[in-house]
Amino acid sequence: MILSVRDLPQHVGEEATVRGWLYNLRSKGKIHFLQVRDGTGIVQGVVGKGDVPDPAFAACEGIPQESSVVVTGAVRADARAPGGVELHLRDVQVIQRSEPYPIALQSHGPDFLLRHRHLWLRSRKPWATLRVRHQVIRAIRDFFDSQGFTNVDAPIFTPAACEGTTTLFEVKYFDEGNAYLTQSGQLYIEAAAMSLGKVYCFGPVFRAERSKTRKHLTEFWMVEPEVAYATLPDIMDLAEGLIVAIAARVLENCREELKVLERDPAPLEKIRKPFPRLTHAEAVKRVNARGVAMAADDDFGAPQEEALVQGEERPVMVYRWPSAIKAFYMKRDPADPAVALGVDVIAPEGFGEVIGGGQREDDLAKLLERIEAEKLPKEAFEWYLDLRRYGTVPHGGFGLGLERTVQWMCGTEHIRETVPFPRMLYRICP
């Protein structure tokens, strides 16, 4: 019976075959201890001389790490073993003896591991991180699907900027001139919301920021919901519910992975409603009171974010921002145009902003004013302006960065560890 390592504990006392790769080999006298990984976990196989034919026992001598193997044996309970079981082997087949593996079970520098990322993914911590990432993705999709949202894909090639022209990747687009890799699917998803009511897109976005911080990538994934007839409080409630659902899914399905990552689950267990909510003006006062400089119309940097969440166990929601530092599409407060109806969600433990969004400007005249004031090409936004000409309604949404969220869930120091093949300022290979 061919089984995955993950399923072995349900088959104690039975014989099983596991197909995978050698993670580690230790020999002691006439006994070999083989650690075999198969993508779902690692199991130890024990083989003694006389338990298998002599050629099979001899084949185990000095098998290099990452050799592909098929092992068969009895599943036995052992509380000391990973997963609580081990295999007492009666057969070992070496499918391919690996060449000397460049990533030994020892420390390597980040540049070496990034150059060998295609192999480093097989190691324990990348394996655990990618499994957490998978559960975060599942939680996001399940949350929106359960709330009646429809997934709509936004284009990756766009004719104009969404978040600002200074961070665009420009490409030649046949005879149509220049196009840009998308910074956000938001504008297109606004159009879909006017058709379907509640929608979200989930895909890669690109920012040509010359940043080398531990929180930035040039290519990352973002989920962006958009809701017709939603106001800022509605969007804040939606963002809060999503984060709580993500943390709950990780705690439910990733306990073993969190152990591998040495991530204390206690902070994740404290992510519960309600989140603290501060206006931008209140947040500035808090930051300044804690000895970190911040002007009334400033955006948050890392020092300000850390001061803001100091002592907090839950994310902090900062809303009602200075309109001067928000995008052209952000709705201004009709009673105070100096304030934009936006919200950012700042994670505790120093992980920074994970969500940014708010209510969109639904007034055609005011949106035209903003496009003109920011010297944006009006012709590129004619289709977007049509959304305000034909059946405009209050609406809003946000963007959640997948990698930032995974970084937070895993307690990982650098965001590059949260994506299989990171793209950064000085890194595009492999």
Protein backbone atom coordinates (compact mmCIF):
# COMPACT_ATOMS: atom_id res chain seq x y z
CA MET A 1 0.00 0.00 0.00
CA ILE A 2 1.53 3.32 -1.11
CA LEU A 3 0.96 6.01 1.51
CA SER A 4 2.06 9.56 2.17
CA VAL A 5 4.03 10.28 5.33
CA ARG A 6 1.14 12.41 6.54
CA ASP A 7 -1.20 9.37 6.52
CA LEU A 8 1.09 6.85 8.23
CA PRO A 9 -0.24 7.41 11.80
CA GLN A 10 -3.63 6.06 10.65
CA HIS A 11 -2.01 2.77 9.57
CA VAL A 12 -0.04 1.57 12.60
CA GLY A 13 0.52 -2.18 12.39
CA GLU A 14 0.16 -2.26 8.61
CA GLU A 15 2.75 -2.39 5.88
CA ALA A 16 3.27 0.75 3.80
CA THR A 17 5.39 2.00 0.94
CA VAL A 18 6.65 5.59 0.90
CA ARG A 19 8.11 7.19 -2.21
CA GLY A 20 10.33 10.19 -1.65
CA TRP A 21 13.85 11.50 -1.09
CA LEU A 22 16.50 10.86 1.53
CA TYR A 23 16.64 13.77 3.97
CA ASN A 24 19.31 12.32 6.25
CA LEU A 25 21.15 9.03 6.87
CA ARG A 26 22.70 7.80 10.09
CA SER A 27 24.33 4.41 10.52
CA LYS A 28 25.09 2.66 13.79
CA GLY A 29 26.75 -0.71 13.58
CA LYS A 30 24.52 -3.01 11.58
CA ILE A 31 21.56 -0.60 11.56
CA HIS A 32 20.76 2.25 9.18
CA PHE A 33 18.39 5.08 10.10
CA LEU A 34 16.96 6.72 7.00
CA GLN A 35 14.95 9.93 7.23
CA VAL A 36 12.72 10.05 4.15
CA ARG A 37 10.66 13.05 3.08
CA ASP A 38 7.84 12.91 0.54
CA GLY A 39 6.42 16.46 0.53
CA THR A 40 3.88 15.82 3.28
CA GLY A 41 6.40 15.17 6.04
CA ILE A 42 9.45 13.22 7.16
CA VAL A 43 9.48 9.68 8.51
CA GLN A 44 12.35 7.67 9.92
CA GLY A 45 12.91 4.22 8.48
CA VAL A 46 14.97 1.68 10.43
CA VAL A 47 16.69 -1.15 8.60
CA GLY A 48 18.93 -3.76 10.17
CA LYS A 49 21.29 -6.17 8.49
CA GLY A 50 19.26 -9.29 7.93
CA ASP A 51 15.96 -7.36 7.68
CA VAL A 52 16.49 -6.88 3.95
CA PRO A 53 18.47 -8.73 1.28
CA ASP A 54 22.21 -8.03 1.48
CA PRO A 55 22.23 -5.95 -1.77
CA ALA A 56 19.48 -3.67 -0.41
CA PHE A 57 21.33 -3.23 2.90
CA ALA A 58 24.57 -2.49 1.09
CA ALA A 59 22.78 0.02 -1.16
CA CYS A 60 21.95 2.05 1.95
CA GLU A 61 25.62 2.62 2.71
CA GLY A 62 26.48 6.26 2.16
CA ILE A 63 23.37 7.24 0.18
CA PRO A 64 23.79 10.96 -0.53
CA GLN A 65 21.21 13.41 0.74
CA GLU A 66 18.34 13.97 -1.71
CA SER A 67 18.74 10.61 -3.41
CA SER A 68 15.32 9.41 -4.55
CA VAL A 69 14.20 6.29 -2.71
CA VAL A 70 11.22 3.98 -2.29
CA VAL A 71 10.99 2.29 1.12
CA THR A 72 8.60 -0.39 2.37
CA GLY A 73 8.05 -1.58 5.90
CA ALA A 74 5.79 -1.97 8.90
CA VAL A 75 4.34 1.17 10.47
CA ARG A 76 5.07 1.19 14.19
CA ALA A 77 4.10 3.69 16.84
CA ASP A 78 6.98 5.60 18.43
CA ALA A 79 6.21 8.69 20.50
CA ARG A 80 9.78 9.96 20.04
CA ALA A 81 9.53 10.00 16.23
CA PRO A 82 8.18 12.88 14.12
CA GLY A 83 4.48 12.23 13.61
CA GLY A 84 4.56 9.53 16.27
CA VAL A 85 5.49 6.66 13.92
CA GLU A 86 8.48 5.09 12.19
CA LEU A 87 8.92 2.45 9.52
CA HIS A 88 10.68 -0.86 10.19
CA LEU A 89 11.90 -1.51 6.70
CA ARG A 90 11.97 -4.74 4.75
CA ASP A 91 12.85 -3.19 1.38
CA VAL A 92 14.81 -0.16 0.18
CA GLN A 93 15.02 0.82 -3.48
CA VAL A 94 17.40 3.58 -4.50
CA ILE A 95 15.87 5.11 -7.64
CA GLN A 96 18.70 7.59 -8.19
CA ARG A 97 21.82 8.27 -6.14
CA SER A 98 22.10 12.02 -5.95
CA GLU A 99 25.27 13.89 -6.79
CA PRO A 100 26.89 15.54 -3.74
CA TYR A 101 24.14 17.86 -2.49
CA PRO A 102 25.22 21.51 -2.27
CA ILE A 103 22.93 22.31 0.66
CA ALA A 104 24.09 20.19 3.56
CA LEU A 105 22.28 20.08 6.88
CA GLN A 106 24.26 23.04 8.19
CA SER A 107 24.15 26.85 8.13
CA HIS A 108 24.51 28.79 4.89
CA GLY A 109 24.38 32.52 4.17
CA PRO A 110 21.26 34.10 2.60
CA ASP A 111 22.95 34.81 -0.75
CA PHE A 112 24.00 31.16 -1.12
CA LEU A 113 20.50 29.96 -0.25
CA LEU A 114 18.86 32.43 -2.65
CA ARG A 115 21.13 31.27 -5.48
CA HIS A 116 20.13 27.69 -4.69
CA ARG A 117 16.49 28.51 -4.00
CA HIS A 118 15.32 25.70 -6.30
CA LEU A 119 16.98 23.23 -3.90
CA TRP A 120 16.51 25.15 -0.64
CA LEU A 121 12.74 24.74 -1.05
CA ARG A 122 13.24 21.11 -0.01
CA SER A 123 14.53 22.09 3.44
CA ARG A 124 12.35 22.08 6.51
CA LYS A 125 11.66 25.78 7.02
CA PRO A 126 10.84 26.64 3.39
CA TRP A 127 8.66 23.52 3.26
CA ALA A 128 6.78 24.64 6.38
CA THR A 129 6.45 28.24 5.15
CA LEU A 130 4.96 27.18 1.82
CA ARG A 131 2.45 24.95 3.58
CA VAL A 132 1.38 27.89 5.75
CA ARG A 133 1.15 30.03 2.61
CA HIS A 134 -1.16 27.42 1.08
CA GLN A 135 -3.46 27.53 4.10
CA VAL A 136 -3.53 31.34 4.08
CA ILE A 137 -4.59 31.23 0.41
CA ARG A 138 -7.29 28.67 1.19
CA ALA A 139 -8.54 30.78 4.11
CA ILE A 140 -8.77 33.89 1.92
CA ARG A 141 -10.72 32.15 -0.82
CA ASP A 142 -13.01 30.31 1.60
CA PHE A 143 -13.73 33.53 3.50
CA PHE A 144 -14.80 35.49 0.44
CA ASP A 145 -16.64 32.56 -1.14
CA SER A 146 -18.62 32.04 2.07
CA GLN A 147 -19.55 35.73 2.07
CA GLY A 148 -21.07 35.57 -1.41
CA PHE A 149 -18.19 37.12 -3.33
CA THR A 150 -17.34 36.23 -6.93
CA ASN A 151 -13.70 35.84 -7.96
CA VAL A 152 -12.94 37.99 -11.02
CA ASP A 153 -9.47 38.11 -12.60
CA ALA A 154 -7.93 41.50 -13.34
CA PRO A 155 -5.44 42.05 -16.20
CA ILE A 156 -1.71 42.06 -15.56
CA PHE A 157 -0.94 44.40 -18.49
CA THR A 158 -2.46 47.86 -17.91
CA PRO A 159 -2.37 51.09 -19.93
CA ALA A 160 -1.99 53.43 -16.94
CA ALA A 161 -0.91 53.66 -13.33
CA CYS A 162 -3.16 52.93 -10.38
CA GLU A 163 -0.94 53.66 -7.38
CA GLY A 164 1.48 56.21 -8.89
CA THR A 165 3.76 56.47 -11.89
CA THR A 166 7.11 56.17 -10.11
CA THR A 167 6.88 52.45 -9.33
CA LEU A 168 5.78 51.05 -12.69
CA PHE A 169 7.46 48.30 -14.69
CA GLU A 170 7.15 49.46 -18.30
CA VAL A 171 6.99 47.06 -21.26
CA LYS A 172 6.58 47.46 -25.02
CA TYR A 173 3.11 46.30 -26.10
CA PHE A 174 3.14 45.54 -29.85
CA ASP A 175 1.98 48.59 -31.84
CA GLU A 176 -0.05 50.00 -28.95
CA GLY A 177 2.92 51.75 -27.35
CA ASN A 178 3.89 51.16 -23.75
CA ALA A 179 2.02 49.09 -21.21
CA TYR A 180 2.74 48.49 -17.53
CA LEU A 181 2.74 45.52 -15.21
CA THR A 182 -0.16 45.98 -12.84
CA GLN A 183 0.32 47.57 -9.44
CA SER A 184 -3.23 46.63 -8.42
CA GLY A 185 -6.36 45.13 -9.90
CA GLN A 186 -8.56 47.58 -8.01
CA LEU A 187 -9.83 49.79 -10.83
CA TYR A 188 -10.91 46.77 -12.88
CA ILE A 189 -12.49 45.10 -9.88
CA GLU A 190 -14.52 48.24 -9.26
CA ALA A 191 -16.02 47.70 -12.71
CA ALA A 192 -16.78 44.06 -11.83
CA ALA A 193 -18.45 45.13 -8.58
CA MET A 194 -20.92 47.22 -10.57
CA SER A 195 -21.90 43.98 -12.34
CA LEU A 196 -21.73 41.38 -9.57
CA GLY A 197 -22.03 43.39 -6.35
CA LYS A 198 -19.33 41.68 -4.26
CA VAL A 199 -16.13 40.59 -6.02
CA TYR A 200 -12.45 39.94 -5.42
CA CYS A 201 -9.36 39.40 -7.51
CA PHE A 202 -6.32 37.45 -6.34
CA GLY A 203 -3.14 37.55 -8.36
CA PRO A 204 0.38 38.89 -8.83
CA VAL A 205 1.14 42.61 -8.74
CA PHE A 206 4.38 44.48 -9.39
CA ARG A 207 6.05 47.49 -7.77
CA ALA A 208 9.29 48.91 -9.15
CA GLU A 209 10.34 50.28 -5.77
CA ARG A 210 14.07 50.54 -5.17
CA SER A 211 13.61 49.17 -1.68
CA LYS A 212 15.77 46.64 0.12
CA THR A 213 13.83 46.34 3.37
CA ARG A 214 12.78 43.03 4.91
CA LYS A 215 9.14 43.82 4.02
CA HIS A 216 9.39 44.52 0.27
CA LEU A 217 9.30 42.46 -2.92
CA THR A 218 9.01 43.69 -6.51
CA GLU A 219 6.57 40.88 -7.39
CA PHE A 220 4.00 39.73 -4.87
CA TRP A 221 0.41 38.48 -4.61
CA MET A 222 -2.51 40.54 -3.44
CA VAL A 223 -6.18 39.84 -2.78
CA GLU A 224 -8.48 42.78 -3.50
CA PRO A 225 -12.18 42.67 -2.61
CA GLU A 226 -14.58 45.36 -3.82
CA VAL A 227 -18.16 45.83 -2.61
CA ALA A 228 -20.96 47.89 -4.16
CA TYR A 229 -22.92 50.06 -1.70
CA ALA A 230 -20.18 49.64 0.94
CA THR A 231 -18.99 52.54 3.10
CA LEU A 232 -15.78 52.86 5.11
CA PRO A 233 -17.20 51.13 8.24
CA ASP A 234 -18.33 48.20 6.08
CA ILE A 235 -14.84 47.83 4.62
CA MET A 236 -13.22 47.99 8.04
CA ASP A 237 -15.51 45.22 9.30
CA LEU A 238 -14.72 43.10 6.23
CA ALA A 239 -10.95 43.53 6.69
CA GLU A 240 -11.20 42.62 10.37
CA GLY A 241 -13.19 39.47 9.59
CA LEU A 242 -10.72 38.34 6.94
CA ILE A 243 -7.68 38.63 9.20
CA VAL A 244 -9.41 36.75 12.01
CA ALA A 245 -10.37 33.97 9.57
CA ILE A 246 -6.79 33.67 8.28
CA ALA A 247 -5.28 33.40 11.76
CA ALA A 248 -7.88 30.81 12.78
CA ARG A 249 -7.12 28.66 9.70
CA VAL A 250 -3.38 28.73 10.33
CA LEU A 251 -3.86 27.74 13.97
CA GLU A 252 -6.24 24.95 12.97
CA ASN A 253 -4.16 23.39 10.19
CA CYS A 254 -0.53 24.43 10.66
CA ARG A 255 0.50 23.59 14.23
CA GLU A 256 3.29 21.26 13.09
CA GLU A 257 4.55 23.78 10.55
CA LEU A 258 4.62 26.52 13.20
CA LYS A 259 6.77 24.22 15.36
CA VAL A 260 9.24 23.75 12.49
CA LEU A 261 9.37 27.53 12.06
CA GLU A 262 9.80 28.03 15.83
CA ARG A 263 6.79 30.34 15.70
CA ASP A 264 5.07 30.79 19.05
CA PRO A 265 1.33 30.38 18.28
CA ALA A 266 0.28 32.43 21.31
CA PRO A 267 0.30 35.82 19.47
CA LEU A 268 -1.86 34.35 16.70
CA GLU A 269 -4.34 33.04 19.25
CA LYS A 270 -4.91 36.64 20.40
CA ILE A 271 -6.07 37.85 16.98
CA ARG A 272 -9.73 38.31 17.83
CA LYS A 273 -12.39 40.93 17.19
CA PRO A 274 -12.62 43.81 17.83
CA PHE A 275 -9.40 45.43 16.63
CA PRO A 276 -8.38 48.80 18.07
CA ARG A 277 -9.48 51.61 15.72
CA LEU A 278 -7.78 55.01 15.65
CA THR A 279 -8.19 57.94 13.32
CA HIS A 280 -4.98 59.04 11.64
CA ALA A 281 -4.94 62.12 13.89
CA GLU A 282 -5.26 59.93 17.00
CA ALA A 283 -2.55 57.59 15.70
CA VAL A 284 -0.15 60.52 15.17
CA LYS A 285 -0.71 61.64 18.76
CA ARG A 286 -0.01 58.13 20.05
CA VAL A 287 3.19 57.81 18.01
CA ASN A 288 4.49 61.21 19.12
CA ALA A 289 3.63 60.44 22.75
CA ARG A 290 5.86 57.38 22.49
CA GLY A 291 8.84 59.44 21.41
CA VAL A 292 8.74 58.88 17.65
CA ALA A 293 8.41 61.91 15.38
CA MET A 294 5.44 62.04 13.03
CA ALA A 295 3.81 65.09 11.44
CA ALA A 296 0.05 65.48 11.11
CA ASP A 297 0.11 64.73 7.37
CA ASP A 298 2.76 61.99 7.38
CA ASP A 299 2.41 58.41 6.21
CA PHE A 300 3.70 55.64 8.45
CA GLY A 301 7.23 54.31 8.21
CA ALA A 302 8.57 51.33 10.13
CA PRO A 303 9.45 53.33 13.31
CA GLN A 304 5.97 54.87 13.38
CA GLU A 305 4.27 51.52 12.83
CA GLU A 306 6.26 49.93 15.64
CA ALA A 307 5.43 52.78 18.02
CA LEU A 308 1.76 52.61 17.08
CA VAL A 309 1.34 48.89 17.90
CA GLN A 310 3.59 48.89 20.96
CA GLY A 311 1.85 46.82 23.63
CA GLU A 312 -0.94 45.75 21.25
CA GLU A 313 -1.87 42.09 20.81
CA ARG A 314 -4.24 42.68 17.90
CA PRO A 315 -3.82 44.61 14.64
CA VAL A 316 -4.52 48.33 14.80
CA MET A 317 -6.83 49.92 12.22
CA VAL A 318 -5.94 53.50 11.26
CA TYR A 319 -8.69 55.31 9.36
CA ARG A 320 -9.64 58.81 8.09
CA TRP A 321 -6.32 59.75 6.53
CA PRO A 322 -5.06 63.12 5.25
CA SER A 323 -6.39 63.25 1.69
CA ALA A 324 -3.13 64.80 0.45
CA ILE A 325 -1.27 61.49 0.89
CA LYS A 326 -3.94 59.19 -0.50
CA ALA A 327 -4.58 58.08 -4.09
CA PHE A 328 -6.79 60.01 -6.50
CA TYR A 329 -9.61 57.46 -6.28
CA MET A 330 -9.96 57.63 -2.47
CA LYS A 331 -13.20 59.35 -1.43
CA ARG A 332 -12.82 62.59 0.48
CA ASP A 333 -15.08 63.17 3.47
CA PRO A 334 -17.91 65.42 2.15
CA ALA A 335 -17.86 67.29 5.49
CA ASP A 336 -14.07 67.70 5.51
CA PRO A 337 -12.28 67.29 2.15
CA ALA A 338 -8.92 67.35 3.95
CA VAL A 339 -9.73 63.83 5.17
CA ALA A 340 -9.88 60.71 2.96
CA LEU A 341 -12.10 57.78 3.92
CA GLY A 342 -9.26 55.28 3.92
CA VAL A 343 -8.05 52.60 6.31
CA ASP A 344 -4.74 50.80 6.87
CA VAL A 345 -4.36 47.74 9.09
CA ILE A 346 -1.05 47.54 10.97
CA ALA A 347 -0.05 44.13 12.30
CA PRO A 348 1.52 43.76 15.76
CA GLU A 349 4.97 42.30 16.47
CA GLY A 350 6.62 44.69 13.98
CA PHE A 351 5.16 43.14 10.80
CA GLY A 352 3.73 46.44 9.57
CA GLU A 353 0.91 47.23 7.19
CA VAL A 354 -0.96 44.21 5.81
CA ILE A 355 -4.09 45.93 4.45
CA GLY A 356 -4.73 49.25 2.77
CA GLY A 357 -8.05 50.39 1.37
CA GLY A 358 -11.18 52.43 1.94
CA GLN A 359 -14.18 53.99 0.25
CA ARG A 360 -13.83 55.04 -3.41
CA GLU A 361 -14.80 58.39 -4.88
CA ASP A 362 -18.19 57.87 -6.50
CA ASP A 363 -18.75 61.49 -7.61
CA LEU A 364 -17.81 62.00 -11.27
CA ALA A 365 -16.97 65.71 -10.97
CA LYS A 366 -14.74 65.18 -7.94
CA LEU A 367 -12.96 62.25 -9.55
CA LEU A 368 -12.26 64.39 -12.64
CA GLU A 369 -10.85 67.08 -10.35
CA ARG A 370 -8.47 64.59 -8.75
CA ILE A 371 -7.27 63.20 -12.08
CA GLU A 372 -6.56 66.74 -13.29
CA ALA A 373 -4.89 67.78 -10.05
CA GLU A 374 -2.51 64.80 -10.17
CA LYS A 375 -1.84 65.35 -13.89
CA LEU A 376 -2.96 61.86 -14.84
CA PRO A 377 -3.85 61.09 -18.48
CA LYS A 378 -7.64 61.50 -18.54
CA GLU A 379 -8.00 59.49 -21.75
CA ALA A 380 -6.51 56.42 -20.05
CA PHE A 381 -9.23 56.59 -17.39
CA GLU A 382 -12.26 57.22 -19.59
CA TRP A 383 -13.50 53.69 -19.07
CA TYR A 384 -13.08 54.12 -15.30
CA LEU A 385 -14.99 57.39 -15.38
CA ASP A 386 -17.85 55.58 -17.14
CA LEU A 387 -18.45 53.72 -13.87
CA ARG A 388 -19.46 57.10 -12.38
CA ARG A 389 -21.52 58.12 -15.42
CA TYR A 390 -23.70 55.02 -15.46
CA GLY A 391 -25.18 53.96 -12.13
CA THR A 392 -22.60 55.24 -9.67
CA VAL A 393 -23.01 54.08 -6.05
CA PRO A 394 -20.96 54.25 -2.84
CA HIS A 395 -18.46 51.42 -2.88
CA GLY A 396 -15.16 50.39 -1.37
CA GLY A 397 -12.55 47.72 -0.91
CA PHE A 398 -8.97 47.00 0.09
CA GLY A 399 -5.84 45.12 -0.80
CA LEU A 400 -4.20 42.51 1.44
CA GLY A 401 -0.62 41.53 0.65
CA LEU A 402 -0.28 37.75 0.75
CA GLU A 403 3.44 37.65 1.49
CA ARG A 404 3.23 40.23 4.29
CA THR A 405 0.44 38.20 5.85
CA VAL A 406 2.36 34.92 5.55
CA GLN A 407 5.43 36.63 7.02
CA TRP A 408 3.33 37.66 10.02
CA MET A 409 1.67 34.26 10.47
CA CYS A 410 5.04 32.47 10.29
CA GLY A 411 6.93 35.01 12.39
CA THR A 412 9.51 35.18 9.60
CA GLU A 413 12.17 37.89 9.71
CA HIS A 414 12.40 38.53 5.95
CA ILE A 415 9.59 38.53 3.40
CA ARG A 416 11.76 36.76 0.81
CA GLU A 417 11.16 33.51 2.71
CA THR A 418 7.39 33.65 2.12
CA VAL A 419 7.41 33.20 -1.67
CA PRO A 420 8.87 30.25 -3.60
CA PHE A 421 11.10 32.34 -5.89
CA PRO A 422 11.48 35.91 -4.57
CA ARG A 423 11.91 38.87 -6.89
CA MET A 424 13.75 41.73 -5.25
CA LEU A 425 15.77 44.77 -6.25
CA TYR A 426 18.93 42.74 -6.92
CA ARG A 427 17.44 39.26 -7.30
CA ILE A 428 15.72 37.75 -10.34
CA CYS A 429 17.32 34.26 -10.45
CA PRO A 430 16.58 31.43 -10.32
